[in-house]
Protein backbone atom coordinates (compact mmCIF):
# COMPACT_ATOMS: atom_id res chain seq x y z
CA UNK A 1 -0.03 -0.35 0.03
CA UNK A 2 1.65 3.34 -0.68
CA UNK A 3 1.15 6.23 1.21
CA UNK A 4 1.17 9.87 0.56
CA UNK A 5 4.24 11.03 3.48
CA UNK A 6 3.12 14.85 3.19
CA UNK A 7 -0.89 14.75 3.50
CA UNK A 8 -1.77 16.94 6.50
CA UNK A 9 -4.89 19.32 7.70
CA UNK A 10 -4.87 22.74 6.41
CA UNK A 11 -1.24 24.64 7.59
CA UNK A 12 -1.58 26.49 10.42
CA UNK A 13 1.95 28.11 11.97
CA UNK A 14 1.60 29.11 15.76
CA UNK A 15 4.76 29.79 17.37
CA UNK A 16 5.23 30.67 21.13
CA UNK A 17 7.15 34.66 21.34
CA UNK A 18 10.15 33.25 21.86
CA UNK A 19 10.28 30.56 19.18
CA UNK A 20 10.77 27.81 21.65
CA UNK A 21 8.24 25.81 20.12
CA UNK A 22 5.96 26.34 17.09
CA UNK A 23 2.37 24.46 16.17
CA UNK A 24 1.47 22.71 12.67
CA UNK A 25 -0.37 20.23 11.62
CA UNK A 26 0.79 16.41 12.07
CA UNK A 27 1.59 14.50 9.44
CA UNK A 28 2.58 10.90 8.28
CA UNK A 29 6.27 11.50 7.95
CA UNK A 30 5.84 12.26 11.62
CA UNK A 31 6.20 8.80 12.91
CA UNK A 32 9.44 7.48 13.91
CA UNK A 33 8.90 11.34 16.24
CA UNK A 34 5.39 10.45 17.99
CA UNK A 35 6.85 6.74 18.47
CA UNK A 36 8.67 8.16 20.88
CA UNK A 37 6.01 8.82 22.35
CA UNK A 38 3.22 7.13 21.68
CA UNK A 39 5.40 4.23 23.16
CA UNK A 40 5.80 5.33 26.56
CA UNK A 41 3.73 3.89 29.47
CA UNK A 42 4.73 6.37 31.26
CA UNK A 43 3.37 8.95 29.31
CA UNK A 44 -0.17 7.28 27.99
CA UNK A 45 -1.44 5.93 32.10
CA UNK A 46 -3.73 9.38 31.60
CA UNK A 47 -4.34 8.76 28.21
CA UNK A 48 -7.51 7.23 27.09
CA UNK A 49 -5.16 4.72 24.24
CA UNK A 50 -2.78 2.54 25.36
CA UNK A 51 0.92 2.61 24.67
CA UNK A 52 1.41 2.18 21.10
CA UNK A 53 3.09 -1.59 19.93
CA UNK A 54 4.64 -1.07 15.98
CA UNK A 55 5.08 0.90 14.13
CA UNK A 56 2.15 -0.32 11.56
CA UNK A 57 -0.01 0.49 14.59
CA UNK A 58 1.20 4.02 14.27
CA UNK A 59 0.88 5.09 10.97
CA UNK A 60 -2.67 3.02 11.39
CA UNK A 61 -3.09 5.25 14.52
CA UNK A 62 -1.95 9.00 12.46
CA UNK A 63 -4.17 7.92 9.10
CA UNK A 64 -6.84 6.69 10.82
CA UNK A 65 -7.70 9.99 14.16
CA UNK A 66 -4.43 12.14 13.37
CA UNK A 67 -5.12 13.07 9.98
CA UNK A 68 -8.75 13.10 9.77
CA UNK A 69 -8.72 15.22 13.13
CA UNK A 70 -10.20 18.82 13.10
CA UNK A 71 -8.41 20.16 15.61
CA UNK A 72 -4.77 18.16 16.37
CA UNK A 73 -1.68 20.24 16.04
CA UNK A 74 2.34 18.80 16.06
CA UNK A 75 4.28 20.52 19.68
CA UNK A 76 7.38 21.38 17.53
CA UNK A 77 10.96 21.93 19.07
CA UNK A 78 12.72 25.47 16.43
CA UNK A 79 14.09 22.14 14.38
CA UNK A 80 10.58 21.31 13.16
CA UNK A 81 10.53 17.93 15.26
CA UNK A 82 7.33 17.21 17.29
CA UNK A 83 7.52 16.05 20.52
CA UNK A 84 3.88 15.61 20.90
CA UNK A 85 0.58 15.98 19.99
CA UNK A 86 -2.09 19.67 21.07
CA UNK A 87 -5.74 18.84 20.48
CA UNK A 88 -9.39 20.61 20.42
CA UNK A 89 -12.78 18.63 20.54
CA UNK A 90 -15.82 19.59 20.48
CA UNK A 91 -18.19 19.73 23.28
CA UNK A 92 -21.18 21.26 22.01
CA UNK A 93 -21.54 24.68 20.09
CA UNK A 94 -20.04 26.78 22.91
CA UNK A 95 -17.80 24.30 24.50
CA UNK A 96 -14.57 22.62 23.57
CA UNK A 97 -11.82 19.97 24.95
CA UNK A 98 -8.21 20.84 24.81
CA UNK A 99 -6.18 18.22 25.24
CA UNK A 100 -2.78 17.35 24.89
CA UNK A 101 0.25 15.26 25.49
CA UNK A 102 4.36 14.89 26.01
CA UNK A 103 7.39 13.37 25.09
CA UNK A 104 8.52 12.10 29.31
CA UNK A 105 11.78 13.47 28.21
CA UNK A 106 10.77 17.24 27.71
CA UNK A 107 7.89 16.70 30.53
CA UNK A 108 8.75 19.62 33.34
CA UNK A 109 10.42 21.96 31.04
CA UNK A 110 7.50 24.46 30.66
CA UNK A 111 7.05 22.90 27.23
CA UNK A 112 3.30 21.84 27.77
CA UNK A 113 2.86 25.09 29.57
CA UNK A 114 3.76 27.76 26.08
CA UNK A 115 1.49 24.91 23.76
CA UNK A 116 -1.17 25.56 25.97
CA UNK A 117 -0.78 28.54 26.24
CA UNK A 118 -0.57 29.40 22.41
CA UNK A 119 -3.71 27.22 21.57
CA UNK A 120 -6.04 28.82 23.98
CA UNK A 121 -5.23 32.05 23.30
CA UNK A 122 -6.11 31.18 19.36
CA UNK A 123 -9.64 29.09 20.01
CA UNK A 124 -11.02 31.75 21.12
CA UNK A 125 -10.25 34.22 17.74
CA UNK A 126 -10.45 31.21 15.39
CA UNK A 127 -13.76 29.82 17.32
CA UNK A 128 -15.41 33.01 17.95
CA UNK A 129 -18.47 31.19 19.23
CA UNK A 130 -17.00 28.60 21.79
CA UNK A 131 -17.16 30.44 25.34
CA UNK A 132 -15.50 27.95 27.10
CA UNK A 133 -12.21 25.81 27.21
CA UNK A 134 -12.48 23.09 28.85
CA UNK A 135 -10.15 20.41 30.62
CA UNK A 136 -10.61 17.30 32.10
CA UNK A 137 -7.48 16.05 33.77
CA UNK A 138 -7.04 12.66 36.60
CA UNK A 139 -7.31 13.34 39.66
CA UNK A 140 -3.75 11.55 39.97
CA UNK A 141 -1.93 13.90 36.82
CA UNK A 142 -1.21 16.08 38.58
CA UNK A 143 1.65 17.51 36.53
CA UNK A 144 -1.09 18.71 33.09
CA UNK A 145 -2.81 19.72 36.20
CA UNK A 146 -0.03 22.23 37.19
CA UNK A 147 -0.16 22.95 33.29
CA UNK A 148 -4.04 24.99 33.82
CA UNK A 149 -3.29 26.58 36.37
CA UNK A 150 -0.36 27.88 34.86
CA UNK A 151 -1.90 29.06 32.09
CA UNK A 152 -4.79 30.56 33.65
CA UNK A 153 -7.25 28.07 33.65
CA UNK A 154 -9.88 27.95 37.11
CA UNK A 155 -9.81 24.60 38.36
CA UNK A 156 -14.19 24.05 38.75
CA UNK A 157 -13.54 20.99 40.74
CA UNK A 158 -12.89 17.05 40.61
CA UNK A 159 -15.95 15.28 38.61
CA UNK A 160 -16.63 11.67 41.72
CA UNK A 161 -16.88 8.44 39.52
CA UNK A 162 -16.52 10.65 36.10
CA UNK A 163 -15.07 7.52 33.45
CA UNK A 164 -13.88 4.65 33.03
CA UNK A 165 -10.35 4.43 32.07
CA UNK A 166 -8.45 1.04 30.99
CA UNK A 167 -10.99 -1.04 32.94
CA UNK A 168 -10.26 1.65 36.50
CA UNK A 169 -13.82 4.08 37.21
CA UNK A 170 -12.13 7.47 37.56
CA UNK A 171 -12.83 10.94 39.19
CA UNK A 172 -10.97 13.62 37.55
CA UNK A 173 -10.97 17.06 37.42
CA UNK A 174 -12.78 19.94 35.80
CA UNK A 175 -10.53 22.83 33.91
CA UNK A 176 -12.49 26.01 32.29
CA UNK A 177 -11.06 28.55 30.67
CA UNK A 178 -13.32 32.10 29.52
CA UNK A 179 -12.92 34.37 26.80
CA UNK A 180 -12.84 37.22 29.46
CA UNK A 181 -10.12 35.02 32.14
CA UNK A 182 -7.47 36.97 31.30
CA UNK A 183 -3.41 34.59 31.33
CA UNK A 184 -1.22 34.09 34.30
């Protein structure tokens, strides 16, 4: 089967002010970089997906889920290599949900915070109908909660027994950001 390695989502690149990261559509040619975080069980711990086990599985996931996603961007360093991704998912007409994943090597260095700040600023410009950006975070995922708090998201509370994740009933923390909220 022949694959087009250049197939992408619409080309919109957003960069952080100091230029440490940029966001761009992922392509099939990003598969090897994707494998770095997608095969890591610790990275996948709080994600809905299980770690990837083969390059073929990664190609299928990128083809079926990433390239067809309405708003998913690779988080890239200055060399344009992806270290994770960030996405916006529809909840309803006025609410969207943000999600992100980052290779473990880059945890704790501010890259996720920069990406969330960039996307949060852009989502209200690109989608003026959006009144609320939400994030649902596992209660045990303290790092992700800190990312959202650093950007200025409001921690609204714990949604008890909210979701079954990987066979386990989990409590989730609801965060929100409104277009009128200030960034930190």
